[in-house]
Amino acid sequence: MARETDELLQVLACELDLRPASAPTAADISKFVTAVTRDKGTLVLHIAEAGGEIVQAFAEAERLCCTDIGWSVTDEPALRLVITASETQVDALAGMIATNNIEGIQ
């Protein structure tokens, strides 16, 4: 599992030491994800309204450590976390979500 996490961090180009330790993780936001959609270079997590503040804090932390990936929260037409990245990065993120392994998204 540690090897898979190391490989994943390389693909995502994350520098975890730049991320605030107290920031919410993907595991924290997972309970608010109601649907996931994907398009070329974009992964969209549809979020329940109750998760708004946590998802916003998560995105802010991700912007610090995973600077090659776009993390934006929008509320039009509904609350969503829009992740823009290379196809390889989107593949990795989508794979983690599809296998319920989003704890690996830091």
N, C-alpha and C. Protein backbone atom coordinates (compact mmCIF):
# COMPACT_ATOMS: atom_id res chain seq x y z
N MET A 1 0.82 -1.20 0.00
CA MET A 1 0.00 0.00 0.00
C MET A 1 0.86 1.26 0.00
N ALA A 2 1.98 1.25 0.72
CA ALA A 2 2.86 2.42 0.77
C ALA A 2 3.43 2.70 -0.61
N ARG A 3 3.77 1.64 -1.36
CA ARG A 3 4.30 1.83 -2.72
C ARG A 3 3.25 2.45 -3.62
N GLU A 4 2.00 1.96 -3.51
CA GLU A 4 0.91 2.52 -4.31
C GLU A 4 0.69 3.99 -3.97
N THR A 5 0.76 4.33 -2.69
CA THR A 5 0.58 5.72 -2.28
C THR A 5 1.72 6.58 -2.82
N ASP A 6 2.96 6.10 -2.75
CA ASP A 6 4.10 6.84 -3.30
C ASP A 6 3.94 7.07 -4.80
N GLU A 7 3.52 6.04 -5.53
CA GLU A 7 3.31 6.17 -6.97
C GLU A 7 2.19 7.17 -7.25
N LEU A 8 1.14 7.11 -6.47
CA LEU A 8 0.01 8.02 -6.64
C LEU A 8 0.45 9.46 -6.40
N LEU A 9 1.24 9.69 -5.37
CA LEU A 9 1.72 11.04 -5.08
C LEU A 9 2.60 11.57 -6.20
N GLN A 10 3.36 10.68 -6.85
CA GLN A 10 4.17 11.10 -7.99
C GLN A 10 3.27 11.52 -9.15
N VAL A 11 2.27 10.74 -9.45
CA VAL A 11 1.34 11.05 -10.54
C VAL A 11 0.62 12.37 -10.25
N LEU A 12 0.17 12.54 -9.02
CA LEU A 12 -0.57 13.75 -8.67
C LEU A 12 0.34 14.95 -8.43
N ALA A 13 1.64 14.73 -8.33
CA ALA A 13 2.63 15.79 -8.11
C ALA A 13 2.33 16.58 -6.84
N CYS A 14 2.04 15.84 -5.76
CA CYS A 14 1.70 16.47 -4.48
C CYS A 14 2.93 16.62 -3.59
N GLU A 15 2.97 17.74 -2.91
CA GLU A 15 3.99 17.99 -1.88
C GLU A 15 3.25 18.11 -0.55
N LEU A 16 3.04 16.96 0.08
CA LEU A 16 2.19 16.91 1.26
C LEU A 16 2.67 17.77 2.41
N ASP A 17 3.97 18.04 2.48
CA ASP A 17 4.48 18.87 3.58
C ASP A 17 3.99 20.31 3.48
N LEU A 18 3.45 20.72 2.33
CA LEU A 18 2.91 22.07 2.17
C LEU A 18 1.44 22.17 2.59
N ARG A 19 0.83 21.03 2.82
CA ARG A 19 -0.59 20.97 3.17
C ARG A 19 -0.75 21.12 4.69
N PRO A 20 -1.63 22.00 5.14
CA PRO A 20 -1.85 22.14 6.59
C PRO A 20 -2.32 20.81 7.19
N ALA A 21 -1.70 20.42 8.28
CA ALA A 21 -2.02 19.14 8.92
C ALA A 21 -3.47 19.08 9.40
N SER A 22 -4.03 20.23 9.73
CA SER A 22 -5.40 20.26 10.25
C SER A 22 -6.47 20.33 9.16
N ALA A 23 -6.06 20.43 7.92
CA ALA A 23 -7.03 20.57 6.82
C ALA A 23 -7.80 19.27 6.62
N PRO A 24 -9.06 19.38 6.17
CA PRO A 24 -9.84 18.17 5.89
C PRO A 24 -9.19 17.35 4.79
N THR A 25 -9.35 16.05 4.87
CA THR A 25 -8.82 15.13 3.87
C THR A 25 -9.96 14.68 2.95
N ALA A 26 -9.60 13.92 1.94
CA ALA A 26 -10.62 13.36 1.05
C ALA A 26 -11.56 12.44 1.81
N ALA A 27 -11.03 11.74 2.80
CA ALA A 27 -11.88 10.88 3.62
C ALA A 27 -12.94 11.71 4.34
N ASP A 28 -12.57 12.92 4.75
CA ASP A 28 -13.52 13.80 5.43
C ASP A 28 -14.64 14.27 4.51
N ILE A 29 -14.33 14.48 3.24
CA ILE A 29 -15.36 14.96 2.32
C ILE A 29 -16.15 13.83 1.68
N SER A 30 -15.64 12.60 1.78
CA SER A 30 -16.28 11.49 1.07
C SER A 30 -17.74 11.30 1.43
N LYS A 31 -18.09 11.55 2.69
CA LYS A 31 -19.48 11.33 3.10
C LYS A 31 -20.45 12.35 2.49
N PHE A 32 -19.91 13.42 1.90
CA PHE A 32 -20.75 14.45 1.29
C PHE A 32 -20.86 14.31 -0.23
N VAL A 33 -20.10 13.37 -0.82
CA VAL A 33 -20.12 13.17 -2.27
C VAL A 33 -21.38 12.41 -2.64
N THR A 34 -22.19 13.03 -3.50
CA THR A 34 -23.44 12.39 -3.92
C THR A 34 -23.35 11.78 -5.31
N ALA A 35 -22.40 12.25 -6.12
CA ALA A 35 -22.20 11.72 -7.46
C ALA A 35 -20.84 12.17 -7.97
N VAL A 36 -20.33 11.44 -8.95
CA VAL A 36 -19.05 11.78 -9.57
C VAL A 36 -19.26 11.74 -11.08
N THR A 37 -18.83 12.80 -11.76
CA THR A 37 -18.88 12.82 -13.22
C THR A 37 -17.49 13.16 -13.74
N ARG A 38 -17.26 12.77 -14.98
CA ARG A 38 -15.94 12.95 -15.54
C ARG A 38 -16.05 13.35 -17.01
N ASP A 39 -15.16 14.24 -17.39
CA ASP A 39 -15.01 14.64 -18.77
C ASP A 39 -13.51 14.74 -19.01
N LYS A 40 -13.08 14.89 -20.22
CA LYS A 40 -11.65 14.94 -20.51
C LYS A 40 -10.97 16.03 -19.67
N GLY A 41 -10.03 15.61 -18.82
CA GLY A 41 -9.28 16.55 -18.01
C GLY A 41 -10.03 17.14 -16.83
N THR A 42 -11.23 16.64 -16.56
CA THR A 42 -12.03 17.19 -15.46
C THR A 42 -12.75 16.07 -14.71
N LEU A 43 -12.69 16.16 -13.40
CA LEU A 43 -13.42 15.27 -12.52
C LEU A 43 -14.29 16.15 -11.64
N VAL A 44 -15.58 15.86 -11.57
CA VAL A 44 -16.50 16.68 -10.80
C VAL A 44 -17.13 15.83 -9.70
N LEU A 45 -16.94 16.28 -8.46
CA LEU A 45 -17.59 15.64 -7.33
C LEU A 45 -18.79 16.48 -6.95
N HIS A 46 -19.96 15.90 -7.02
CA HIS A 46 -21.19 16.58 -6.63
C HIS A 46 -21.32 16.42 -5.12
N ILE A 47 -21.54 17.53 -4.44
CA ILE A 47 -21.44 17.57 -2.99
C ILE A 47 -22.78 17.96 -2.36
N ALA A 48 -23.17 17.28 -1.30
CA ALA A 48 -24.36 17.66 -0.53
C ALA A 48 -24.09 19.01 0.13
N GLU A 49 -25.12 19.83 0.23
CA GLU A 49 -24.99 21.19 0.78
C GLU A 49 -24.32 21.21 2.16
N ALA A 50 -24.56 20.21 2.97
CA ALA A 50 -24.00 20.17 4.31
C ALA A 50 -22.47 20.11 4.31
N GLY A 51 -21.88 19.71 3.19
CA GLY A 51 -20.42 19.59 3.11
C GLY A 51 -19.71 20.81 2.57
N GLY A 52 -20.42 21.90 2.36
CA GLY A 52 -19.85 23.08 1.73
C GLY A 52 -18.58 23.62 2.37
N GLU A 53 -18.59 23.85 3.66
CA GLU A 53 -17.43 24.42 4.34
C GLU A 53 -16.25 23.46 4.34
N ILE A 54 -16.51 22.19 4.56
CA ILE A 54 -15.44 21.19 4.59
C ILE A 54 -14.81 21.06 3.21
N VAL A 55 -15.63 21.02 2.17
CA VAL A 55 -15.11 20.89 0.81
C VAL A 55 -14.30 22.13 0.43
N GLN A 56 -14.74 23.30 0.83
CA GLN A 56 -14.00 24.53 0.55
C GLN A 56 -12.63 24.48 1.23
N ALA A 57 -12.58 24.07 2.49
CA ALA A 57 -11.31 23.97 3.22
C ALA A 57 -10.40 22.91 2.59
N PHE A 58 -10.98 21.81 2.13
CA PHE A 58 -10.22 20.76 1.45
C PHE A 58 -9.59 21.32 0.18
N ALA A 59 -10.37 22.01 -0.63
CA ALA A 59 -9.87 22.57 -1.89
C ALA A 59 -8.75 23.58 -1.64
N GLU A 60 -8.90 24.41 -0.63
CA GLU A 60 -7.86 25.39 -0.29
C GLU A 60 -6.56 24.70 0.08
N ALA A 61 -6.64 23.61 0.84
CA ALA A 61 -5.44 22.87 1.22
C ALA A 61 -4.81 22.19 0.01
N GLU A 62 -5.64 21.64 -0.86
CA GLU A 62 -5.12 20.97 -2.05
C GLU A 62 -4.41 21.94 -2.98
N ARG A 63 -4.89 23.17 -3.05
CA ARG A 63 -4.22 24.18 -3.88
C ARG A 63 -2.79 24.45 -3.42
N LEU A 64 -2.52 24.22 -2.15
CA LEU A 64 -1.18 24.44 -1.60
C LEU A 64 -0.22 23.30 -1.92
N CYS A 65 -0.71 22.08 -1.90
CA CYS A 65 0.19 20.93 -2.05
C CYS A 65 0.17 20.30 -3.44
N CYS A 66 -0.91 20.43 -4.15
CA CYS A 66 -1.03 19.83 -5.49
C CYS A 66 -1.28 20.95 -6.49
N THR A 67 -0.23 21.73 -6.72
CA THR A 67 -0.37 22.96 -7.51
C THR A 67 -0.56 22.72 -9.00
N ASP A 68 -0.27 21.53 -9.48
CA ASP A 68 -0.46 21.22 -10.90
C ASP A 68 -1.91 20.85 -11.21
N ILE A 69 -2.73 20.75 -10.18
CA ILE A 69 -4.12 20.34 -10.33
C ILE A 69 -5.01 21.52 -9.94
N GLY A 70 -6.07 21.73 -10.70
CA GLY A 70 -7.03 22.79 -10.38
C GLY A 70 -8.10 22.27 -9.44
N TRP A 71 -8.35 23.00 -8.37
CA TRP A 71 -9.34 22.63 -7.35
C TRP A 71 -10.29 23.81 -7.16
N SER A 72 -11.49 23.71 -7.68
CA SER A 72 -12.43 24.82 -7.51
C SER A 72 -13.78 24.31 -7.00
N VAL A 73 -14.37 25.12 -6.15
CA VAL A 73 -15.68 24.80 -5.60
C VAL A 73 -16.67 25.79 -6.21
N THR A 74 -17.75 25.25 -6.71
CA THR A 74 -18.79 26.07 -7.32
C THR A 74 -20.14 25.67 -6.75
N ASP A 75 -21.06 26.60 -6.74
CA ASP A 75 -22.40 26.26 -6.25
C ASP A 75 -23.46 26.47 -7.31
N GLU A 76 -23.05 26.60 -8.55
CA GLU A 76 -23.99 26.74 -9.66
C GLU A 76 -23.86 25.58 -10.62
N PRO A 77 -24.84 24.85 -10.93
CA PRO A 77 -26.21 24.93 -10.44
C PRO A 77 -26.38 24.26 -9.08
N ALA A 78 -25.37 23.49 -8.64
CA ALA A 78 -25.40 22.86 -7.32
C ALA A 78 -23.96 22.81 -6.82
N LEU A 79 -23.78 22.47 -5.57
CA LEU A 79 -22.44 22.44 -4.98
C LEU A 79 -21.61 21.33 -5.62
N ARG A 80 -20.44 21.72 -6.11
CA ARG A 80 -19.55 20.77 -6.78
C ARG A 80 -18.10 21.14 -6.50
N LEU A 81 -17.25 20.12 -6.43
CA LEU A 81 -15.80 20.30 -6.43
C LEU A 81 -15.35 19.89 -7.82
N VAL A 82 -14.80 20.85 -8.55
CA VAL A 82 -14.35 20.61 -9.92
C VAL A 82 -12.83 20.50 -9.90
N ILE A 83 -12.33 19.36 -10.32
CA ILE A 83 -10.90 19.09 -10.33
C ILE A 83 -10.45 19.01 -11.79
N THR A 84 -9.51 19.87 -12.15
CA THR A 84 -8.96 19.85 -13.51
C THR A 84 -7.51 19.43 -13.43
N ALA A 85 -7.13 18.50 -14.30
CA ALA A 85 -5.80 17.93 -14.24
C ALA A 85 -5.48 17.24 -15.56
N SER A 86 -4.27 16.72 -15.65
CA SER A 86 -3.90 15.93 -16.83
C SER A 86 -4.76 14.67 -16.85
N GLU A 87 -4.86 14.04 -17.99
CA GLU A 87 -5.64 12.81 -18.09
C GLU A 87 -5.11 11.74 -17.14
N THR A 88 -3.80 11.65 -17.00
CA THR A 88 -3.21 10.67 -16.09
C THR A 88 -3.62 10.95 -14.65
N GLN A 89 -3.61 12.21 -14.27
CA GLN A 89 -4.02 12.57 -12.92
C GLN A 89 -5.51 12.32 -12.70
N VAL A 90 -6.32 12.68 -13.68
CA VAL A 90 -7.77 12.42 -13.57
C VAL A 90 -8.03 10.92 -13.49
N ASP A 91 -7.29 10.13 -14.28
CA ASP A 91 -7.42 8.68 -14.21
C ASP A 91 -7.14 8.17 -12.80
N ALA A 92 -6.05 8.68 -12.20
CA ALA A 92 -5.67 8.26 -10.85
C ALA A 92 -6.74 8.64 -9.84
N LEU A 93 -7.20 9.87 -9.89
CA LEU A 93 -8.24 10.33 -8.96
C LEU A 93 -9.54 9.57 -9.15
N ALA A 94 -9.95 9.37 -10.40
CA ALA A 94 -11.19 8.65 -10.69
C ALA A 94 -11.08 7.20 -10.23
N GLY A 95 -9.92 6.60 -10.43
CA GLY A 95 -9.72 5.22 -9.99
C GLY A 95 -9.82 5.08 -8.49
N MET A 96 -9.28 6.04 -7.77
CA MET A 96 -9.36 6.01 -6.31
C MET A 96 -10.80 6.15 -5.85
N ILE A 97 -11.53 7.02 -6.49
CA ILE A 97 -12.93 7.24 -6.12
C ILE A 97 -13.76 6.02 -6.48
N ALA A 98 -13.52 5.45 -7.66
CA ALA A 98 -14.29 4.29 -8.11
C ALA A 98 -14.07 3.09 -7.21
N THR A 99 -12.88 2.98 -6.63
CA THR A 99 -12.60 1.84 -5.76
C THR A 99 -12.81 2.18 -4.29
N ASN A 100 -13.44 3.31 -4.03
CA ASN A 100 -13.68 3.77 -2.66
C ASN A 100 -12.39 3.91 -1.87
N ASN A 101 -11.31 4.25 -2.55
CA ASN A 101 -10.02 4.41 -1.89
C ASN A 101 -9.66 5.89 -1.83
N ILE A 102 -10.64 6.75 -1.58
CA ILE A 102 -10.34 8.17 -1.60
C ILE A 102 -9.55 8.62 -0.39
N GLU A 103 -9.33 7.71 0.56
CA GLU A 103 -8.44 8.07 1.66
C GLU A 103 -7.06 8.39 1.11
N GLY A 104 -6.73 7.83 -0.07
CA GLY A 104 -5.43 8.10 -0.69
C GLY A 104 -5.30 9.50 -1.24
N ILE A 105 -6.42 10.18 -1.48
CA ILE A 105 -6.37 11.57 -1.92
C ILE A 105 -6.15 12.39 -0.67
N GLN A 106 -5.06 13.05 -0.58
CA GLN A 106 -4.76 13.83 0.62
C GLN A 106 -5.13 15.27 0.44
